[in-house]
Amino acid sequence: MNGSQVSIDNPASLISLPDTEFQAILLEGVSRTFALTIPQLPAELYPAVANAYLLCRIVDTVEDEVSLNVTQKKHFCAAFIDIVKTGKGAEAFAQELAPLLSEQTISAEHTLIHLTARVIEITHSFDQVQIDALASCVETMANGMPVFQALDLNAGLKTMSDMDDYCYYVAGCVGEMLAKLFCHYSEEINVHREELLKLSVSFGQGLQMTNILKDIWDDAQRGVCWLPQDIFSETGFDLKFLTPETEDENFRKGLEHLISIAHGHLHNALKYTQLLPANETGMRNFCLWALGMAVLTLKNIKNNLDFNDSEQVKITRKDVKKTILASKLTARSNMLLSLLFNLTSSSLKTPDWQYAAQASKN
């Protein structure tokens, strides 16, 4: 097939591509960030991690689809759990779901749903340990996310513990899956299995909290708030009054507390990365690029607590390039990585460290 005929908007043009090219094009369509970071992994890990992200994105597509009610979302999530485990039923799943997707769902996700069967076929080309790791992640995510979708989130989550749970279902379980895949890949890494599994949940939470803080106002436009009320109750702000026009010192204090918590989790992300062998620079860069971009995003938020649009705190392409360069220069040295992290993230610490300290212990 002529390369010029291949298009993310045309599922039929992708179906006969080799697995690696097929997954790369889908990744580029649904997430430029992961399309950038996943190829840094060793060749033995790339196929499974790329596939895992596509599986998770299918769950995300179901959860985010505005045309589906809670019952429908539970139905499709339950069906998909079984499909990933068994490798059966993917075509029927796609045929049922695809016509229900709205125009608000991006074209690449429409294509991904149409090609679910091919994605699952690749899943079941892996060995059983890898399949089990992917299936466990999908099951946790697909069972957990509908619980939160059913809540009234206009005034936020009730507690920081609820936010922890949500972040686990959305990102922490992905961190666990990656740790399992990494340990399966290398006996040297597997020596640290228990610590990596623990830190991986915190790693995922740090990244997810950063996204939540960046997207506060995008979510608000959909009538959703993922911030925990108990953090803001301590500063004297009620999230039910939150609007893009909010200019309240008490809200900004609560936001700073959450930045501190996220910083604590990202510090655990650094410790996670430092446990990986120094010679595995691809794996370290995979982690460091995500970590670095999260730190820079949090810094943008901290420096602009009055922002009311995610575009105001997004990092630039120049920032991404700086992150990549800094990671490549320091990836092999734990000492340099600690120094770089401390220098770039010191401003994220607040005088009140009870929240950040708690995050670091988790």
Protein backbone atom coordinates (compact mmCIF):
# COMPACT_ATOMS: atom_id res chain seq x y z
CA MET A 1 0.00 0.00 0.00
CA ASN A 2 1.28 3.44 -0.90
CA GLY A 3 2.22 5.38 2.24
CA SER A 4 0.33 8.43 1.05
CA GLN A 5 -2.91 6.46 1.22
CA VAL A 6 -2.49 5.66 4.89
CA SER A 7 -4.55 7.96 7.10
CA ILE A 8 -5.65 7.94 10.73
CA ASP A 9 -9.05 9.06 9.43
CA ASN A 10 -9.36 5.94 7.27
CA PRO A 11 -9.40 2.73 9.36
CA ALA A 12 -9.30 0.53 6.26
CA SER A 13 -5.96 2.05 5.25
CA LEU A 14 -4.35 0.95 8.52
CA ILE A 15 -5.65 -2.58 8.94
CA SER A 16 -3.01 -4.32 6.79
CA LEU A 17 -0.01 -2.43 8.15
CA PRO A 18 2.67 -4.28 10.17
CA ASP A 19 1.96 -4.25 13.91
CA THR A 20 4.65 -1.69 14.79
CA GLU A 21 3.57 0.81 12.14
CA PHE A 22 -0.11 0.22 12.89
CA GLN A 23 0.33 0.99 16.59
CA ALA A 24 2.65 3.94 15.94
CA ILE A 25 0.08 5.66 13.70
CA LEU A 26 -2.73 5.09 16.20
CA LEU A 27 -0.55 6.41 19.04
CA GLU A 28 0.31 9.53 17.08
CA GLY A 29 -3.38 10.10 16.50
CA VAL A 30 -4.57 9.73 20.09
CA SER A 31 -1.55 11.03 22.03
CA ARG A 32 1.44 12.89 20.68
CA THR A 33 3.09 12.75 24.10
CA PHE A 34 3.03 8.96 24.33
CA ALA A 35 3.87 8.69 20.63
CA LEU A 36 7.04 10.56 21.60
CA THR A 37 7.95 8.71 24.80
CA ILE A 38 7.00 5.06 24.19
CA PRO A 39 9.44 4.59 21.26
CA GLN A 40 12.28 5.36 23.70
CA LEU A 41 11.71 1.96 25.31
CA PRO A 42 13.73 -1.12 24.34
CA ALA A 43 12.44 -2.95 21.26
CA GLU A 44 11.35 -5.87 23.46
CA LEU A 45 9.06 -3.58 25.49
CA TYR A 46 7.71 -1.18 22.88
CA PRO A 47 4.99 -3.42 21.37
CA ALA A 48 3.37 -4.31 24.70
CA VAL A 49 3.54 -0.77 26.14
CA ALA A 50 2.18 0.78 22.93
CA ASN A 51 -0.62 -1.76 22.90
CA ALA A 52 -1.35 -1.16 26.59
CA TYR A 53 -1.79 2.55 25.96
CA LEU A 54 -4.20 1.86 23.10
CA LEU A 55 -6.23 -0.50 25.33
CA CYS A 56 -6.41 2.17 28.04
CA ARG A 57 -7.40 4.76 25.46
CA ILE A 58 -10.34 2.58 24.41
CA VAL A 59 -11.54 2.60 28.03
CA ASP A 60 -10.98 6.38 28.18
CA THR A 61 -13.01 6.82 24.99
CA VAL A 62 -15.94 4.96 26.52
CA GLU A 63 -15.71 6.95 29.74
CA ASP A 64 -15.46 10.32 28.00
CA GLU A 65 -18.19 9.72 25.43
CA VAL A 66 -20.95 12.26 26.08
CA SER A 67 -23.58 10.29 24.17
CA LEU A 68 -23.37 7.29 26.52
CA ASN A 69 -25.23 7.11 29.82
CA VAL A 70 -23.78 5.49 32.95
CA THR A 71 -25.47 2.14 32.25
CA GLN A 72 -24.09 2.02 28.72
CA LYS A 73 -20.61 2.90 29.93
CA LYS A 74 -20.70 0.09 32.49
CA HIS A 75 -21.89 -2.30 29.78
CA PHE A 76 -19.07 -1.45 27.38
CA CYS A 77 -16.44 -1.43 30.14
CA ALA A 78 -17.50 -4.87 31.38
CA ALA A 79 -17.51 -6.22 27.83
CA PHE A 80 -14.05 -4.82 27.13
CA ILE A 81 -12.56 -6.39 30.27
CA ASP A 82 -13.67 -9.80 28.99
CA ILE A 83 -12.41 -9.08 25.47
CA VAL A 84 -8.90 -8.19 26.69
CA LYS A 85 -8.76 -11.31 28.86
CA THR A 86 -10.04 -13.75 26.26
CA GLY A 87 -9.25 -12.12 22.93
CA LYS A 88 -12.83 -12.80 21.82
CA GLY A 89 -15.72 -10.53 20.93
CA ALA A 90 -13.77 -7.46 19.80
CA GLU A 91 -15.46 -7.14 16.41
CA ALA A 92 -18.97 -7.20 17.90
CA PHE A 93 -17.86 -4.68 20.55
CA ALA A 94 -16.63 -2.27 17.88
CA GLN A 95 -19.73 -2.68 15.74
CA GLU A 96 -21.96 -1.88 18.72
CA LEU A 97 -19.93 1.05 20.07
CA ALA A 98 -18.70 2.82 16.93
CA PRO A 99 -22.12 4.12 15.74
CA LEU A 100 -22.78 5.61 19.20
CA LEU A 101 -19.70 7.83 19.25
CA SER A 102 -20.43 11.53 18.90
CA GLU A 103 -18.64 14.22 16.91
CA GLN A 104 -17.10 15.46 20.16
CA THR A 105 -14.95 12.32 20.17
CA ILE A 106 -11.84 12.96 18.06
CA SER A 107 -11.47 11.25 14.71
CA ALA A 108 -8.48 9.18 15.85
CA GLU A 109 -10.56 7.67 18.68
CA HIS A 110 -13.33 6.80 16.20
CA THR A 111 -10.67 4.97 14.20
CA LEU A 112 -9.29 3.26 17.31
CA ILE A 113 -12.73 1.90 18.20
CA HIS A 114 -13.27 0.67 14.63
CA LEU A 115 -9.93 -1.17 14.83
CA THR A 116 -10.44 -2.70 18.29
CA ALA A 117 -10.22 -6.23 16.90
CA ARG A 118 -6.78 -5.60 15.39
CA VAL A 119 -5.55 -4.04 18.64
CA ILE A 120 -6.77 -7.09 20.60
CA GLU A 121 -5.16 -9.43 18.07
CA ILE A 122 -1.83 -7.76 18.85
CA THR A 123 -2.51 -8.01 22.60
CA HIS A 124 -2.84 -11.77 22.31
CA SER A 125 0.39 -12.10 20.37
CA PHE A 126 2.31 -11.37 23.59
CA ASP A 127 3.33 -13.92 26.18
CA GLN A 128 0.94 -14.71 29.02
CA VAL A 129 2.74 -12.61 31.66
CA GLN A 130 2.41 -9.54 29.47
CA ILE A 131 -1.23 -10.29 28.60
CA ASP A 132 -2.04 -10.72 32.30
CA ALA A 133 -0.39 -7.39 33.16
CA LEU A 134 -2.38 -5.57 30.45
CA ALA A 135 -5.65 -7.30 31.34
CA SER A 136 -5.27 -6.52 35.05
CA CYS A 137 -4.72 -2.85 34.28
CA VAL A 138 -7.73 -2.66 31.96
CA GLU A 139 -9.91 -4.46 34.52
CA THR A 140 -8.92 -2.07 37.31
CA MET A 141 -9.43 0.99 35.14
CA ALA A 142 -12.70 -0.16 33.55
CA ASN A 143 -14.21 -1.16 36.92
CA GLY A 144 -13.04 1.93 38.78
CA MET A 145 -13.71 4.79 36.39
CA PRO A 146 -17.50 4.24 36.07
CA VAL A 147 -17.81 4.65 39.85
CA PHE A 148 -16.61 8.23 39.52
CA GLN A 149 -18.55 8.87 36.31
CA ALA A 150 -21.75 8.21 38.26
CA LEU A 151 -20.97 10.91 40.86
CA ASP A 152 -22.15 14.51 40.84
CA LEU A 153 -18.83 16.26 40.33
CA ASN A 154 -20.03 19.85 40.03
CA ALA A 155 -18.58 20.67 43.45
CA GLY A 156 -15.53 18.40 43.30
CA LEU A 157 -14.64 15.21 45.11
CA LYS A 158 -15.26 15.06 48.84
CA THR A 159 -11.80 14.16 50.09
CA MET A 160 -8.14 13.86 49.12
CA SER A 161 -8.59 10.11 49.62
CA ASP A 162 -11.23 10.15 46.86
CA MET A 163 -8.78 11.95 44.59
CA ASP A 164 -6.15 9.31 45.41
CA ASP A 165 -8.62 6.58 44.42
CA TYR A 166 -9.54 8.32 41.19
CA CYS A 167 -5.90 8.85 40.25
CA TYR A 168 -5.22 5.16 40.95
CA TYR A 169 -8.00 4.00 38.63
CA VAL A 170 -6.93 6.40 35.88
CA ALA A 171 -3.13 6.34 36.15
CA GLY A 172 -1.80 4.44 39.17
CA CYS A 173 -2.88 1.08 37.77
CA VAL A 174 -1.10 1.99 34.52
CA GLY A 175 2.05 2.60 36.56
CA GLU A 176 1.68 -0.83 38.16
CA MET A 177 1.28 -2.44 34.75
CA LEU A 178 4.43 -0.74 33.45
CA ALA A 179 6.37 -1.88 36.52
CA LYS A 180 5.23 -5.46 35.89
CA LEU A 181 6.28 -5.26 32.24
CA PHE A 182 9.65 -3.76 33.19
CA CYS A 183 10.25 -6.51 35.78
CA HIS A 184 9.30 -9.19 33.25
CA TYR A 185 11.76 -7.66 30.79
CA SER A 186 14.76 -7.66 33.15
CA GLU A 187 15.79 -9.79 36.12
CA GLU A 188 18.01 -6.91 37.27
CA ILE A 189 14.90 -4.72 37.48
CA ASN A 190 12.80 -7.51 38.99
CA VAL A 191 15.02 -7.44 42.10
CA HIS A 192 13.30 -4.15 42.99
CA ARG A 193 9.81 -5.38 42.08
CA GLU A 194 7.97 -4.58 45.33
CA GLU A 195 9.45 -1.09 45.67
CA LEU A 196 8.84 -0.32 42.00
CA LEU A 197 5.22 -1.42 42.23
CA LYS A 198 4.67 0.86 45.22
CA LEU A 199 6.43 3.84 43.67
CA SER A 200 4.73 3.30 40.31
CA VAL A 201 1.31 4.10 41.81
CA SER A 202 2.70 7.38 43.18
CA PHE A 203 4.35 8.10 39.81
CA GLY A 204 1.00 7.70 38.07
CA GLN A 205 -0.73 9.88 40.63
CA GLY A 206 1.80 12.68 40.21
CA LEU A 207 1.23 12.75 36.46
CA GLN A 208 -2.55 12.54 36.79
CA MET A 209 -2.72 15.27 39.45
CA THR A 210 -0.68 17.51 37.17
CA ASN A 211 -3.19 16.92 34.38
CA ILE A 212 -6.13 17.59 36.70
CA LEU A 213 -4.63 20.88 37.88
CA LYS A 214 -3.79 21.95 34.32
CA ASP A 215 -7.29 21.09 33.09
CA ILE A 216 -9.36 22.58 35.95
CA TRP A 217 -11.13 25.04 33.67
CA ASP A 218 -11.54 22.69 30.69
CA ASP A 219 -13.26 20.25 33.05
CA ALA A 220 -15.36 23.04 34.57
CA GLN A 221 -16.85 23.78 31.15
CA ARG A 222 -18.19 20.22 31.21
CA GLY A 223 -19.58 20.68 34.70
CA VAL A 224 -16.86 18.53 36.26
CA CYS A 225 -14.38 19.22 39.07
CA TRP A 226 -11.83 16.64 40.24
CA LEU A 227 -10.43 18.74 43.10
CA PRO A 228 -10.91 17.49 46.70
CA GLN A 229 -13.15 19.69 48.86
CA ASP A 230 -11.45 18.81 52.17
CA ILE A 231 -8.19 20.44 51.03
CA PHE A 232 -10.07 23.64 50.18
CA SER A 233 -12.21 23.49 53.33
CA GLU A 234 -9.00 23.90 55.31
CA THR A 235 -8.25 27.11 53.43
CA GLY A 236 -11.85 28.36 53.62
CA PHE A 237 -13.03 27.93 50.02
CA ASP A 238 -16.11 26.05 48.77
CA LEU A 239 -15.60 24.44 45.36
CA LYS A 240 -19.26 24.81 44.45
CA PHE A 241 -18.52 28.51 43.94
CA LEU A 242 -15.58 27.86 41.60
CA THR A 243 -15.73 29.59 38.20
CA PRO A 244 -13.08 30.76 35.69
CA GLU A 245 -13.63 34.24 37.11
CA THR A 246 -12.68 33.12 40.63
CA GLU A 247 -10.09 35.39 42.23
CA ASP A 248 -9.86 34.11 45.76
CA GLU A 249 -6.74 33.85 47.91
CA ASN A 250 -8.20 30.86 49.77
CA PHE A 251 -8.64 28.99 46.50
CA ARG A 252 -5.06 29.76 45.52
CA LYS A 253 -3.83 28.40 48.88
CA GLY A 254 -5.71 25.15 48.26
CA LEU A 255 -4.21 24.97 44.79
CA GLU A 256 -0.72 25.40 46.26
CA HIS A 257 -1.39 22.54 48.68
CA LEU A 258 -2.31 20.25 45.78
CA ILE A 259 0.81 21.34 43.88
CA SER A 260 2.85 20.29 46.92
CA ILE A 261 1.16 16.89 47.00
CA ALA A 262 1.80 16.40 43.30
CA HIS A 263 5.43 17.44 43.82
CA GLY A 264 5.78 14.75 46.49
CA HIS A 265 4.48 12.13 44.08
CA LEU A 266 6.81 13.32 41.34
CA HIS A 267 9.71 12.98 43.78
CA ASN A 268 8.68 9.34 44.11
CA ALA A 269 8.67 9.17 40.31
CA LEU A 270 12.31 10.22 40.40
CA LYS A 271 13.13 7.49 42.93
CA TYR A 272 11.34 4.99 40.70
CA THR A 273 13.44 6.04 37.71
CA GLN A 274 16.65 5.86 39.72
CA LEU A 275 15.95 2.20 40.53
CA LEU A 276 16.12 1.33 36.84
CA PRO A 277 19.60 0.25 35.63
CA ALA A 278 21.74 3.22 34.56
CA ASN A 279 22.55 1.53 31.25
CA GLU A 280 18.82 1.29 30.39
CA THR A 281 18.80 4.86 29.13
CA GLY A 282 15.75 4.30 26.92
CA MET A 283 13.64 3.20 29.89
CA ARG A 284 14.97 6.04 32.02
CA ASN A 285 14.23 8.60 29.31
CA PHE A 286 10.71 7.21 28.95
CA CYS A 287 10.16 8.02 32.63
CA LEU A 288 12.20 11.22 32.76
CA TRP A 289 10.49 12.93 29.85
CA ALA A 290 7.08 12.44 31.47
CA LEU A 291 8.45 13.51 34.85
CA GLY A 292 10.20 16.59 33.46
CA MET A 293 7.18 17.79 31.52
CA ALA A 294 5.00 17.35 34.63
CA VAL A 295 7.41 19.39 36.77
CA LEU A 296 7.48 22.22 34.21
CA THR A 297 3.67 22.20 33.99
CA LEU A 298 3.35 22.43 37.77
CA LYS A 299 5.83 25.32 37.76
CA ASN A 300 3.70 27.13 35.19
CA ILE A 301 0.63 26.64 37.39
CA LYS A 302 2.47 27.74 40.54
CA ASN A 303 3.67 30.88 38.76
CA ASN A 304 0.18 31.65 37.45
CA LEU A 305 -2.30 30.61 40.13
CA ASP A 306 -4.91 32.94 38.61
CA PHE A 307 -4.92 31.13 35.25
CA ASN A 308 -8.36 30.39 33.80
CA ASP A 309 -7.47 28.43 30.67
CA SER A 310 -5.22 25.38 30.27
CA GLU A 311 -3.46 27.05 27.34
CA GLN A 312 -2.00 29.58 29.81
CA VAL A 313 -0.03 26.89 31.67
CA LYS A 314 0.80 24.37 28.97
CA ILE A 315 4.49 23.88 28.38
CA THR A 316 5.93 24.96 25.04
CA ARG A 317 7.65 22.87 22.39
CA LYS A 318 10.86 24.57 23.48
CA ASP A 319 10.26 23.30 27.03
CA VAL A 320 9.74 19.77 25.67
CA LYS A 321 13.04 19.97 23.77
CA LYS A 322 14.83 21.24 26.90
CA THR A 323 13.36 18.36 28.92
CA ILE A 324 14.53 15.81 26.37
CA LEU A 325 18.03 17.29 26.22
CA ALA A 326 18.40 17.54 30.01
CA SER A 327 17.20 13.95 30.41
CA LYS A 328 19.65 12.63 27.84
CA LEU A 329 22.54 14.45 29.50
CA THR A 330 21.76 13.24 33.02
CA ALA A 331 19.93 9.90 32.53
CA ARG A 332 22.85 7.68 33.60
CA SER A 333 23.64 9.55 36.82
CA ASN A 334 21.37 9.31 39.87
CA MET A 335 23.28 12.15 41.50
CA LEU A 336 22.78 14.48 38.54
CA LEU A 337 19.12 13.49 38.28
CA SER A 338 18.55 14.38 41.94
CA LEU A 339 20.36 17.67 41.49
CA LEU A 340 18.35 18.53 38.37
CA PHE A 341 15.04 17.62 40.04
CA ASN A 342 15.80 19.67 43.16
CA LEU A 343 16.88 22.69 41.13
CA THR A 344 13.88 22.68 38.82
CA SER A 345 11.19 21.82 41.37
CA SER A 346 12.27 23.68 44.52
CA SER A 347 9.69 26.43 43.90
CA LEU A 348 6.89 23.86 44.12
CA LYS A 349 7.45 23.41 47.85
CA THR A 350 5.17 25.41 50.13
CA PRO A 351 5.68 26.39 53.78
CA ASP A 352 2.99 23.88 54.74
CA TRP A 353 4.57 20.52 54.02
CA GLN A 354 2.11 18.22 55.78
CA TYR A 355 0.45 17.36 52.45
CA ALA A 356 3.62 16.86 50.44
CA ALA A 357 5.20 14.81 53.22
CA GLN A 358 2.17 12.55 53.24
CA ALA A 359 2.47 12.03 49.48
CA SER A 360 6.14 11.13 49.77
CA LYS A 361 5.34 8.41 52.30
CA ASN A 362 2.74 6.73 50.07
